[in-house]
Amino acid sequence: MFTKTFTIERHIEELRAELRTTTDPKEARDIQAELAAMMQLADDLDRESEAML
């Protein structure tokens, strides 16, 4: 579980970095959508981990 969560968190950080540097509005919207999906996935995994405790 740690590796999967770590990978998702790293992907989130990379998306945030891309979002900060993009100047294309369409690309920014695409990145924001992917970022939102990754953040939701991370939250779901956190809840799943807590439920297992």
Protein backbone atom coordinates (compact mmCIF):
# COMPACT_ATOMS: atom_id res chain seq x y z
CA MET A 1 0.00 0.00 0.00
CA PHE A 2 2.83 2.43 0.84
CA THR A 3 4.38 2.14 -2.63
CA LYS A 4 1.06 2.77 -4.37
CA THR A 5 0.28 5.76 -2.15
CA PHE A 6 3.80 7.15 -2.56
CA THR A 7 3.56 6.82 -6.36
CA ILE A 8 0.21 8.63 -6.41
CA GLU A 9 1.54 11.41 -4.17
CA ARG A 10 4.55 11.82 -6.42
CA HIS A 11 2.31 11.99 -9.49
CA ILE A 12 0.22 14.66 -7.74
CA GLU A 13 3.35 16.74 -7.08
CA GLU A 14 4.44 16.39 -10.71
CA LEU A 15 1.01 17.51 -11.92
CA ARG A 16 1.13 20.52 -9.61
CA ALA A 17 4.53 21.45 -11.01
CA GLU A 18 3.24 21.12 -14.58
CA LEU A 19 0.22 23.25 -13.71
CA ARG A 20 2.44 26.02 -12.32
CA THR A 21 4.48 26.19 -15.52
CA THR A 22 1.87 25.79 -18.24
CA THR A 23 0.68 28.82 -20.17
CA ASP A 24 -1.85 27.00 -22.35
CA PRO A 25 -5.38 27.26 -20.89
CA LYS A 26 -6.54 23.96 -22.42
CA GLU A 27 -3.49 22.14 -21.10
CA ALA A 28 -4.09 23.71 -17.67
CA ARG A 29 -7.68 22.42 -17.66
CA ASP A 30 -6.50 18.94 -18.65
CA ILE A 31 -3.88 18.94 -15.91
CA GLN A 32 -6.42 20.21 -13.36
CA ALA A 33 -8.79 17.38 -14.27
CA GLU A 34 -6.07 14.77 -13.94
CA LEU A 35 -4.90 16.34 -10.68
CA ALA A 36 -8.42 16.23 -9.25
CA ALA A 37 -8.75 12.57 -10.20
CA MET A 38 -5.40 11.69 -8.59
CA MET A 39 -6.27 13.59 -5.43
CA GLN A 40 -9.60 11.74 -5.21
CA LEU A 41 -7.79 8.44 -5.67
CA ALA A 42 -5.35 9.33 -2.89
CA ASP A 43 -8.26 10.22 -0.59
CA ASP A 44 -10.01 6.96 -1.41
CA LEU A 45 -6.87 4.98 -0.63
CA ASP A 46 -6.45 6.84 2.67
CA ARG A 47 -10.01 6.01 3.68
CA GLU A 48 -9.53 2.39 2.63
CA SER A 49 -6.35 2.16 4.73
CA GLU A 50 -8.08 3.67 7.75
CA ALA A 51 -10.99 1.25 7.41
CA MET A 52 -8.59 -1.69 7.50
CA LEU A 53 -7.17 -0.60 10.89
